[in-house]
Amino acid sequence: VSDLTLLSAGLARIGGGWGGEHVGASLDHAVWFHRPVRA
């Protein structure tokens, strides 16, 4: 789930949003778990 919308943060800085005039790809992705969570 953490990878579904994170690149949208970068898109929001340049504008246009999902399905617009830009395409993105994750180059790397890291998650640090601090406590258990139920997804």
ModelCIF file with pLDDT and N, C-alpha, C, O atoms, coordinates in Angstrom:
data_MODEL
#
_entry.id   MODEL 
#
_entity.id                         1 
_entity.type                       polymer 
_entity.pdbx_number_of_molecules   1 
#
_entity_poly.entity_id                      1 
_entity_poly.type                           'polypeptide(L)' 
_entity_poly.nstd_linkage                   no 
_entity_poly.nstd_monomer                   no 
_entity_poly.pdbx_seq_one_letter_code       VSDLTLLSAGLARIGGGWGGEHVGASLDHAVWFHRPVRA 
_entity_poly.pdbx_seq_one_letter_code_can   VSDLTLLSAGLARIGGGWGGEHVGASLDHAVWFHRPVRA 
_entity_poly.pdbx_strand_id                 A 
#
loop_
_entity_poly_seq.entity_id 
_entity_poly_seq.num 
_entity_poly_seq.mon_id 
_entity_poly_seq.hetero 
1 1  VAL n 
1 2  SER n 
1 3  ASP n 
1 4  LEU n 
1 5  THR n 
1 6  LEU n 
1 7  LEU n 
1 8  SER n 
1 9  ALA n 
1 10 GLY n 
1 11 LEU n 
1 12 ALA n 
1 13 ARG n 
1 14 ILE n 
1 15 GLY n 
1 16 GLY n 
1 17 GLY n 
1 18 TRP n 
1 19 GLY n 
1 20 GLY n 
1 21 GLU n 
1 22 HIS n 
1 23 VAL n 
1 24 GLY n 
1 25 ALA n 
1 26 SER n 
1 27 LEU n 
1 28 ASP n 
1 29 HIS n 
1 30 ALA n 
1 31 VAL n 
1 32 TRP n 
1 33 PHE n 
1 34 HIS n 
1 35 ARG n 
1 36 PRO n 
1 37 VAL n 
1 38 ARG n 
1 39 ALA n 
#
_struct_asym.id          A 
_struct_asym.entity_id   1 
#
loop_
_ma_qa_metric.id 
_ma_qa_metric.mode 
_ma_qa_metric.name 
_ma_qa_metric.software_group_id 
_ma_qa_metric.type 
1 global pLDDT . pLDDT 
2 local  pLDDT . pLDDT 
#
_ma_qa_metric_global.metric_id      1 
_ma_qa_metric_global.metric_value   84.38 
_ma_qa_metric_global.model_id       1 
_ma_qa_metric_global.ordinal_id     1 
#
loop_
_ma_qa_metric_local.label_asym_id 
_ma_qa_metric_local.label_comp_id 
_ma_qa_metric_local.label_seq_id 
_ma_qa_metric_local.metric_id 
_ma_qa_metric_local.metric_value 
_ma_qa_metric_local.model_id 
_ma_qa_metric_local.ordinal_id 
A VAL 1  2 95.00 1 1  
A SER 2  2 95.00 1 2  
A ASP 3  2 92.00 1 3  
A LEU 4  2 88.00 1 4  
A THR 5  2 85.00 1 5  
A LEU 6  2 89.00 1 6  
A LEU 7  2 88.00 1 7  
A SER 8  2 85.00 1 8  
A ALA 9  2 86.00 1 9  
A GLY 10 2 85.00 1 10 
A LEU 11 2 83.00 1 11 
A ALA 12 2 79.00 1 12 
A ARG 13 2 78.00 1 13 
A ILE 14 2 74.00 1 14 
A GLY 15 2 70.00 1 15 
A GLY 16 2 64.00 1 16 
A GLY 17 2 63.00 1 17 
A TRP 18 2 59.00 1 18 
A GLY 19 2 58.00 1 19 
A GLY 20 2 63.00 1 20 
A GLU 21 2 71.00 1 21 
A HIS 22 2 69.00 1 22 
A VAL 23 2 73.00 1 23 
A GLY 24 2 80.00 1 24 
A ALA 25 2 83.00 1 25 
A SER 26 2 88.00 1 26 
A LEU 27 2 92.00 1 27 
A ASP 28 2 95.00 1 28 
A HIS 29 2 96.00 1 29 
A ALA 30 2 97.00 1 30 
A VAL 31 2 98.00 1 31 
A TRP 32 2 98.00 1 32 
A PHE 33 2 98.00 1 33 
A HIS 34 2 98.00 1 34 
A ARG 35 2 97.00 1 35 
A PRO 36 2 94.00 1 36 
A VAL 37 2 92.00 1 37 
A ARG 38 2 96.00 1 38 
A ALA 39 2 97.00 1 39 
#
loop_
_atom_site.group_PDB 
_atom_site.id 
_atom_site.type_symbol 
_atom_site.label_atom_id 
_atom_site.label_alt_id 
_atom_site.label_comp_id 
_atom_site.label_asym_id 
_atom_site.label_entity_id 
_atom_site.label_seq_id 
_atom_site.pdbx_PDB_ins_code 
_atom_site.Cartn_x 
_atom_site.Cartn_y 
_atom_site.Cartn_z 
_atom_site.occupancy 
_atom_site.B_iso_or_equiv 
_atom_site.pdbx_formal_charge 
_atom_site.auth_seq_id 
_atom_site.auth_comp_id 
_atom_site.auth_asym_id 
_atom_site.auth_atom_id 
_atom_site.pdbx_PDB_model_num 
ATOM 1   N N  . VAL A 1 1  ? 0.833  -1.208 0.000   1.00 95.00 ? 1  VAL A N  1 
ATOM 2   C CA . VAL A 1 1  ? 0.000  0.000  0.000   1.00 95.00 ? 1  VAL A CA 1 
ATOM 3   C C  . VAL A 1 1  ? 0.867  1.257  0.000   1.00 95.00 ? 1  VAL A C  1 
ATOM 4   O O  . VAL A 1 1  ? 0.515  2.252  -0.633  1.00 95.00 ? 1  VAL A O  1 
ATOM 5   N N  . SER A 1 2  ? 1.994  1.218  0.704   1.00 95.00 ? 2  SER A N  1 
ATOM 6   C CA . SER A 1 2  ? 2.845  2.412  0.806   1.00 95.00 ? 2  SER A CA 1 
ATOM 7   C C  . SER A 1 2  ? 3.411  2.844  -0.537  1.00 95.00 ? 2  SER A C  1 
ATOM 8   O O  . SER A 1 2  ? 3.837  3.989  -0.688  1.00 95.00 ? 2  SER A O  1 
ATOM 9   N N  . ASP A 1 3  ? 3.420  1.946  -1.512  1.00 92.00 ? 3  ASP A N  1 
ATOM 10  C CA . ASP A 1 3  ? 3.949  2.289  -2.834  1.00 92.00 ? 3  ASP A CA 1 
ATOM 11  C C  . ASP A 1 3  ? 2.861  2.743  -3.804  1.00 92.00 ? 3  ASP A C  1 
ATOM 12  O O  . ASP A 1 3  ? 3.176  3.182  -4.910  1.00 92.00 ? 3  ASP A O  1 
ATOM 13  N N  . LEU A 1 4  ? 1.598  2.650  -3.419  1.00 88.00 ? 4  LEU A N  1 
ATOM 14  C CA . LEU A 1 4  ? 0.511  3.000  -4.335  1.00 88.00 ? 4  LEU A CA 1 
ATOM 15  C C  . LEU A 1 4  ? 0.448  4.482  -4.663  1.00 88.00 ? 4  LEU A C  1 
ATOM 16  O O  . LEU A 1 4  ? 0.195  4.849  -5.810  1.00 88.00 ? 4  LEU A O  1 
ATOM 17  N N  . THR A 1 5  ? 0.672  5.336  -3.678  1.00 85.00 ? 5  THR A N  1 
ATOM 18  C CA . THR A 1 5  ? 0.464  6.774  -3.905  1.00 85.00 ? 5  THR A CA 1 
ATOM 19  C C  . THR A 1 5  ? 1.671  7.643  -3.554  1.00 85.00 ? 5  THR A C  1 
ATOM 20  O O  . THR A 1 5  ? 1.592  8.867  -3.664  1.00 85.00 ? 5  THR A O  1 
ATOM 21  N N  . LEU A 1 6  ? 2.773  7.049  -3.141  1.00 89.00 ? 6  LEU A N  1 
ATOM 22  C CA . LEU A 1 6  ? 3.891  7.884  -2.673  1.00 89.00 ? 6  LEU A CA 1 
ATOM 23  C C  . LEU A 1 6  ? 4.472  8.754  -3.776  1.00 89.00 ? 6  LEU A C  1 
ATOM 24  O O  . LEU A 1 6  ? 4.809  9.911  -3.525  1.00 89.00 ? 6  LEU A O  1 
ATOM 25  N N  . LEU A 1 7  ? 4.600  8.235  -4.978  1.00 88.00 ? 7  LEU A N  1 
ATOM 26  C CA . LEU A 1 7  ? 5.129  9.040  -6.072  1.00 88.00 ? 7  LEU A CA 1 
ATOM 27  C C  . LEU A 1 7  ? 4.223  10.232 -6.393  1.00 88.00 ? 7  LEU A C  1 
ATOM 28  O O  . LEU A 1 7  ? 4.662  11.210 -6.998  1.00 88.00 ? 7  LEU A O  1 
ATOM 29  N N  . SER A 1 8  ? 2.962  10.140 -5.983  1.00 85.00 ? 8  SER A N  1 
ATOM 30  C CA . SER A 1 8  ? 2.028  11.260 -6.174  1.00 85.00 ? 8  SER A CA 1 
ATOM 31  C C  . SER A 1 8  ? 2.497  12.516 -5.460  1.00 85.00 ? 8  SER A C  1 
ATOM 32  O O  . SER A 1 8  ? 2.173  13.626 -5.882  1.00 85.00 ? 8  SER A O  1 
ATOM 33  N N  . ALA A 1 9  ? 3.258  12.355 -4.382  1.00 86.00 ? 9  ALA A N  1 
ATOM 34  C CA . ALA A 1 9  ? 3.792  13.522 -3.676  1.00 86.00 ? 9  ALA A CA 1 
ATOM 35  C C  . ALA A 1 9  ? 4.701  14.332 -4.595  1.00 86.00 ? 9  ALA A C  1 
ATOM 36  O O  . ALA A 1 9  ? 4.652  15.562 -4.588  1.00 86.00 ? 9  ALA A O  1 
ATOM 37  N N  . GLY A 1 10 ? 5.523  13.655 -5.380  1.00 85.00 ? 10 GLY A N  1 
ATOM 38  C CA . GLY A 1 10 ? 6.374  14.338 -6.349  1.00 85.00 ? 10 GLY A CA 1 
ATOM 39  C C  . GLY A 1 10 ? 5.564  14.947 -7.479  1.00 85.00 ? 10 GLY A C  1 
ATOM 40  O O  . GLY A 1 10 ? 5.840  16.062 -7.921  1.00 85.00 ? 10 GLY A O  1 
ATOM 41  N N  . LEU A 1 11 ? 4.553  14.205 -7.950  1.00 83.00 ? 11 LEU A N  1 
ATOM 42  C CA . LEU A 1 11 ? 3.680  14.744 -8.996  1.00 83.00 ? 11 LEU A CA 1 
ATOM 43  C C  . LEU A 1 11 ? 2.964  16.006 -8.520  1.00 83.00 ? 11 LEU A C  1 
ATOM 44  O O  . LEU A 1 11 ? 2.778  16.951 -9.286  1.00 83.00 ? 11 LEU A O  1 
ATOM 45  N N  . ALA A 1 12 ? 2.565  16.013 -7.251  1.00 79.00 ? 12 ALA A N  1 
ATOM 46  C CA . ALA A 1 12 ? 1.868  17.185 -6.709  1.00 79.00 ? 12 ALA A CA 1 
ATOM 47  C C  . ALA A 1 12 ? 2.765  18.422 -6.699  1.00 79.00 ? 12 ALA A C  1 
ATOM 48  O O  . ALA A 1 12 ? 2.268  19.545 -6.791  1.00 79.00 ? 12 ALA A O  1 
ATOM 49  N N  . ARG A 1 13 ? 4.066  18.230 -6.589  1.00 78.00 ? 13 ARG A N  1 
ATOM 50  C CA . ARG A 1 13 ? 4.978  19.388 -6.606  1.00 78.00 ? 13 ARG A CA 1 
ATOM 51  C C  . ARG A 1 13 ? 5.066  20.006 -7.984  1.00 78.00 ? 13 ARG A C  1 
ATOM 52  O O  . ARG A 1 13 ? 5.288  21.211 -8.103  1.00 78.00 ? 13 ARG A O  1 
ATOM 53  N N  . ILE A 1 14 ? 4.896  19.200 -9.044  1.00 74.00 ? 14 ILE A N  1 
ATOM 54  C CA . ILE A 1 14 ? 4.972  19.751 -10.399 1.00 74.00 ? 14 ILE A CA 1 
ATOM 55  C C  . ILE A 1 14 ? 3.588  19.993 -11.001 1.00 74.00 ? 14 ILE A C  1 
ATOM 56  O O  . ILE A 1 14 ? 3.464  20.700 -12.001 1.00 74.00 ? 14 ILE A O  1 
ATOM 57  N N  . GLY A 1 15 ? 2.541  19.406 -10.395 1.00 70.00 ? 15 GLY A N  1 
ATOM 58  C CA . GLY A 1 15 ? 1.170  19.602 -10.846 1.00 70.00 ? 15 GLY A CA 1 
ATOM 59  C C  . GLY A 1 15 ? 0.734  18.562 -11.867 1.00 70.00 ? 15 GLY A C  1 
ATOM 60  O O  . GLY A 1 15 ? 1.560  17.912 -12.508 1.00 70.00 ? 15 GLY A O  1 
ATOM 61  N N  . GLY A 1 16 ? -0.556 18.419 -12.005 1.00 64.00 ? 16 GLY A N  1 
ATOM 62  C CA . GLY A 1 16 ? -1.090 17.517 -13.007 1.00 64.00 ? 16 GLY A CA 1 
ATOM 63  C C  . GLY A 1 16 ? -1.777 16.291 -12.476 1.00 64.00 ? 16 GLY A C  1 
ATOM 64  O O  . GLY A 1 16 ? -2.768 15.854 -13.061 1.00 64.00 ? 16 GLY A O  1 
ATOM 65  N N  . GLY A 1 17 ? -1.306 15.722 -11.406 1.00 63.00 ? 17 GLY A N  1 
ATOM 66  C CA . GLY A 1 17 ? -1.974 14.590 -10.786 1.00 63.00 ? 17 GLY A CA 1 
ATOM 67  C C  . GLY A 1 17 ? -1.952 13.306 -11.587 1.00 63.00 ? 17 GLY A C  1 
ATOM 68  O O  . GLY A 1 17 ? -1.260 13.194 -12.599 1.00 63.00 ? 17 GLY A O  1 
ATOM 69  N N  . TRP A 1 18 ? -2.720 12.340 -11.115 1.00 59.00 ? 18 TRP A N  1 
ATOM 70  C CA . TRP A 1 18 ? -2.779 11.010 -11.721 1.00 59.00 ? 18 TRP A CA 1 
ATOM 71  C C  . TRP A 1 18 ? -3.378 11.073 -13.114 1.00 59.00 ? 18 TRP A C  1 
ATOM 72  O O  . TRP A 1 18 ? -4.294 11.853 -13.379 1.00 59.00 ? 18 TRP A O  1 
ATOM 73  N N  . GLY A 1 19 ? -2.854 10.251 -13.989 1.00 58.00 ? 19 GLY A N  1 
ATOM 74  C CA . GLY A 1 19 ? -3.427 10.135 -15.325 1.00 58.00 ? 19 GLY A CA 1 
ATOM 75  C C  . GLY A 1 19 ? -3.267 11.380 -16.170 1.00 58.00 ? 19 GLY A C  1 
ATOM 76  O O  . GLY A 1 19 ? -3.959 11.540 -17.176 1.00 58.00 ? 19 GLY A O  1 
ATOM 77  N N  . GLY A 1 20 ? -2.377 12.250 -15.782 1.00 63.00 ? 20 GLY A N  1 
ATOM 78  C CA . GLY A 1 20 ? -2.164 13.494 -16.509 1.00 63.00 ? 20 GLY A CA 1 
ATOM 79  C C  . GLY A 1 20 ? -1.083 13.369 -17.564 1.00 63.00 ? 20 GLY A C  1 
ATOM 80  O O  . GLY A 1 20 ? -1.007 12.368 -18.277 1.00 63.00 ? 20 GLY A O  1 
ATOM 81  N N  . GLU A 1 21 ? -0.261 14.376 -17.655 1.00 71.00 ? 21 GLU A N  1 
ATOM 82  C CA . GLU A 1 21 ? 0.750  14.450 -18.701 1.00 71.00 ? 21 GLU A CA 1 
ATOM 83  C C  . GLU A 1 21 ? 2.103  13.903 -18.270 1.00 71.00 ? 21 GLU A C  1 
ATOM 84  O O  . GLU A 1 21 ? 3.089  14.054 -18.991 1.00 71.00 ? 21 GLU A O  1 
ATOM 85  N N  . HIS A 1 22 ? 2.161  13.266 -17.096 1.00 69.00 ? 22 HIS A N  1 
ATOM 86  C CA . HIS A 1 22 ? 3.419  12.722 -16.608 1.00 69.00 ? 22 HIS A CA 1 
ATOM 87  C C  . HIS A 1 22 ? 3.273  11.249 -16.256 1.00 69.00 ? 22 HIS A C  1 
ATOM 88  O O  . HIS A 1 22 ? 2.184  10.779 -15.925 1.00 69.00 ? 22 HIS A O  1 
ATOM 89  N N  . VAL A 1 23 ? 4.364  10.546 -16.333 1.00 73.00 ? 23 VAL A N  1 
ATOM 90  C CA . VAL A 1 23 ? 4.425  9.148  -15.917 1.00 73.00 ? 23 VAL A CA 1 
ATOM 91  C C  . VAL A 1 23 ? 5.586  9.029  -14.932 1.00 73.00 ? 23 VAL A C  1 
ATOM 92  O O  . VAL A 1 23 ? 6.590  9.731  -15.052 1.00 73.00 ? 23 VAL A O  1 
ATOM 93  N N  . GLY A 1 24 ? 5.437  8.146  -13.973 1.00 80.00 ? 24 GLY A N  1 
ATOM 94  C CA . GLY A 1 24 ? 6.478  8.001  -12.963 1.00 80.00 ? 24 GLY A CA 1 
ATOM 95  C C  . GLY A 1 24 ? 6.845  6.555  -12.716 1.00 80.00 ? 24 GLY A C  1 
ATOM 96  O O  . GLY A 1 24 ? 6.095  5.639  -13.053 1.00 80.00 ? 24 GLY A O  1 
ATOM 97  N N  . ALA A 1 25 ? 8.012  6.365  -12.123 1.00 83.00 ? 25 ALA A N  1 
ATOM 98  C CA . ALA A 1 25 ? 8.482  5.034  -11.743 1.00 83.00 ? 25 ALA A CA 1 
ATOM 99  C C  . ALA A 1 25 ? 9.293  5.155  -10.467 1.00 83.00 ? 25 ALA A C  1 
ATOM 100 O O  . ALA A 1 25 ? 10.049 6.109  -10.279 1.00 83.00 ? 25 ALA A O  1 
ATOM 101 N N  . SER A 1 26 ? 9.125  4.184  -9.606  1.00 88.00 ? 26 SER A N  1 
ATOM 102 C CA . SER A 1 26 ? 9.890  4.144  -8.365  1.00 88.00 ? 26 SER A CA 1 
ATOM 103 C C  . SER A 1 26 ? 11.310 3.672  -8.658  1.00 88.00 ? 26 SER A C  1 
ATOM 104 O O  . SER A 1 26 ? 11.509 2.650  -9.314  1.00 88.00 ? 26 SER A O  1 
ATOM 105 N N  . LEU A 1 27 ? 12.290 4.417  -8.173  1.00 92.00 ? 27 LEU A N  1 
ATOM 106 C CA . LEU A 1 27 ? 13.685 4.006  -8.322  1.00 92.00 ? 27 LEU A CA 1 
ATOM 107 C C  . LEU A 1 27 ? 14.155 3.210  -7.101  1.00 92.00 ? 27 LEU A C  1 
ATOM 108 O O  . LEU A 1 27 ? 14.981 2.304  -7.220  1.00 92.00 ? 27 LEU A O  1 
ATOM 109 N N  . ASP A 1 28 ? 13.634 3.549  -5.956  1.00 95.00 ? 28 ASP A N  1 
ATOM 110 C CA . ASP A 1 28 ? 13.900 2.795  -4.737  1.00 95.00 ? 28 ASP A CA 1 
ATOM 111 C C  . ASP A 1 28 ? 12.774 3.068  -3.755  1.00 95.00 ? 28 ASP A C  1 
ATOM 112 O O  . ASP A 1 28 ? 12.061 4.065  -3.871  1.00 95.00 ? 28 ASP A O  1 
ATOM 113 N N  . HIS A 1 29 ? 12.624 2.174  -2.790  1.00 96.00 ? 29 HIS A N  1 
ATOM 114 C CA . HIS A 1 29 ? 11.506 2.290  -1.851  1.00 96.00 ? 29 HIS A CA 1 
ATOM 115 C C  . HIS A 1 29 ? 11.922 1.591  -0.564  1.00 96.00 ? 29 HIS A C  1 
ATOM 116 O O  . HIS A 1 29 ? 12.300 0.420  -0.585  1.00 96.00 ? 29 HIS A O  1 
ATOM 117 N N  . ALA A 1 30 ? 11.854 2.298  0.544   1.00 97.00 ? 30 ALA A N  1 
ATOM 118 C CA . ALA A 1 30 ? 12.231 1.720  1.838   1.00 97.00 ? 30 ALA A CA 1 
ATOM 119 C C  . ALA A 1 30 ? 11.144 2.003  2.867   1.00 97.00 ? 30 ALA A C  1 
ATOM 120 O O  . ALA A 1 30 ? 10.538 3.075  2.864   1.00 97.00 ? 30 ALA A O  1 
ATOM 121 N N  . VAL A 1 31 ? 10.901 1.036  3.745   1.00 98.00 ? 31 VAL A N  1 
ATOM 122 C CA . VAL A 1 31 ? 9.910  1.179  4.806   1.00 98.00 ? 31 VAL A CA 1 
ATOM 123 C C  . VAL A 1 31 ? 10.571 0.814  6.130   1.00 98.00 ? 31 VAL A C  1 
ATOM 124 O O  . VAL A 1 31 ? 11.217 -0.226 6.248   1.00 98.00 ? 31 VAL A O  1 
ATOM 125 N N  . TRP A 1 32 ? 10.401 1.680  7.118   1.00 98.00 ? 32 TRP A N  1 
ATOM 126 C CA . TRP A 1 32 ? 10.862 1.407  8.477   1.00 98.00 ? 32 TRP A CA 1 
ATOM 127 C C  . TRP A 1 32 ? 9.625  1.207  9.341   1.00 98.00 ? 32 TRP A C  1 
ATOM 128 O O  . TRP A 1 32 ? 8.786  2.102  9.446   1.00 98.00 ? 32 TRP A O  1 
ATOM 129 N N  . PHE A 1 33 ? 9.512  0.039  9.957   1.00 98.00 ? 33 PHE A N  1 
ATOM 130 C CA . PHE A 1 33 ? 8.371  -0.266 10.816  1.00 98.00 ? 33 PHE A CA 1 
ATOM 131 C C  . PHE A 1 33 ? 8.728  0.079  12.252  1.00 98.00 ? 33 PHE A C  1 
ATOM 132 O O  . PHE A 1 33 ? 9.728  -0.408 12.780  1.00 98.00 ? 33 PHE A O  1 
ATOM 133 N N  . HIS A 1 34 ? 7.921  0.914  12.883  1.00 98.00 ? 34 HIS A N  1 
ATOM 134 C CA . HIS A 1 34 ? 8.168  1.342  14.261  1.00 98.00 ? 34 HIS A CA 1 
ATOM 135 C C  . HIS A 1 34 ? 7.340  0.549  15.263  1.00 98.00 ? 34 HIS A C  1 
ATOM 136 O O  . HIS A 1 34 ? 7.770  0.311  16.392  1.00 98.00 ? 34 HIS A O  1 
ATOM 137 N N  . ARG A 1 35 ? 6.162  0.148  14.842  1.00 97.00 ? 35 ARG A N  1 
ATOM 138 C CA . ARG A 1 35 ? 5.248  -0.617 15.698  1.00 97.00 ? 35 ARG A CA 1 
ATOM 139 C C  . ARG A 1 35 ? 4.402  -1.512 14.807  1.00 97.00 ? 35 ARG A C  1 
ATOM 140 O O  . ARG A 1 35 ? 4.240  -1.234 13.618  1.00 97.00 ? 35 ARG A O  1 
ATOM 141 N N  . PRO A 1 36 ? 3.861  -2.585 15.372  1.00 94.00 ? 36 PRO A N  1 
ATOM 142 C CA . PRO A 1 36 ? 2.959  -3.428 14.570  1.00 94.00 ? 36 PRO A CA 1 
ATOM 143 C C  . PRO A 1 36 ? 1.715  -2.635 14.154  1.00 94.00 ? 36 PRO A C  1 
ATOM 144 O O  . PRO A 1 36 ? 1.280  -1.714 14.846  1.00 94.00 ? 36 PRO A O  1 
ATOM 145 N N  . VAL A 1 37 ? 1.165  -3.019 13.013  1.00 92.00 ? 37 VAL A N  1 
ATOM 146 C CA . VAL A 1 37 ? -0.048 -2.374 12.510  1.00 92.00 ? 37 VAL A CA 1 
ATOM 147 C C  . VAL A 1 37 ? -0.866 -3.419 11.768  1.00 92.00 ? 37 VAL A C  1 
ATOM 148 O O  . VAL A 1 37 ? -0.313 -4.333 11.155  1.00 92.00 ? 37 VAL A O  1 
ATOM 149 N N  . ARG A 1 38 ? -2.153 -3.283 11.824  1.00 96.00 ? 38 ARG A N  1 
ATOM 150 C CA . ARG A 1 38 ? -3.030 -4.143 11.030  1.00 96.00 ? 38 ARG A CA 1 
ATOM 151 C C  . ARG A 1 38 ? -3.359 -3.392 9.742   1.00 96.00 ? 38 ARG A C  1 
ATOM 152 O O  . ARG A 1 38 ? -3.973 -2.326 9.779   1.00 96.00 ? 38 ARG A O  1 
ATOM 153 N N  . ALA A 1 39 ? -2.954 -3.945 8.617   1.00 97.00 ? 39 ALA A N  1 
ATOM 154 C CA . ALA A 1 39 ? -3.202 -3.305 7.326   1.00 97.00 ? 39 ALA A CA 1 
ATOM 155 C C  . ALA A 1 39 ? -4.665 -3.416 6.907   1.00 97.00 ? 39 ALA A C  1 
ATOM 156 O O  . ALA A 1 39 ? -5.040 -2.927 5.841   1.00 97.00 ? 39 ALA A O  1 
#
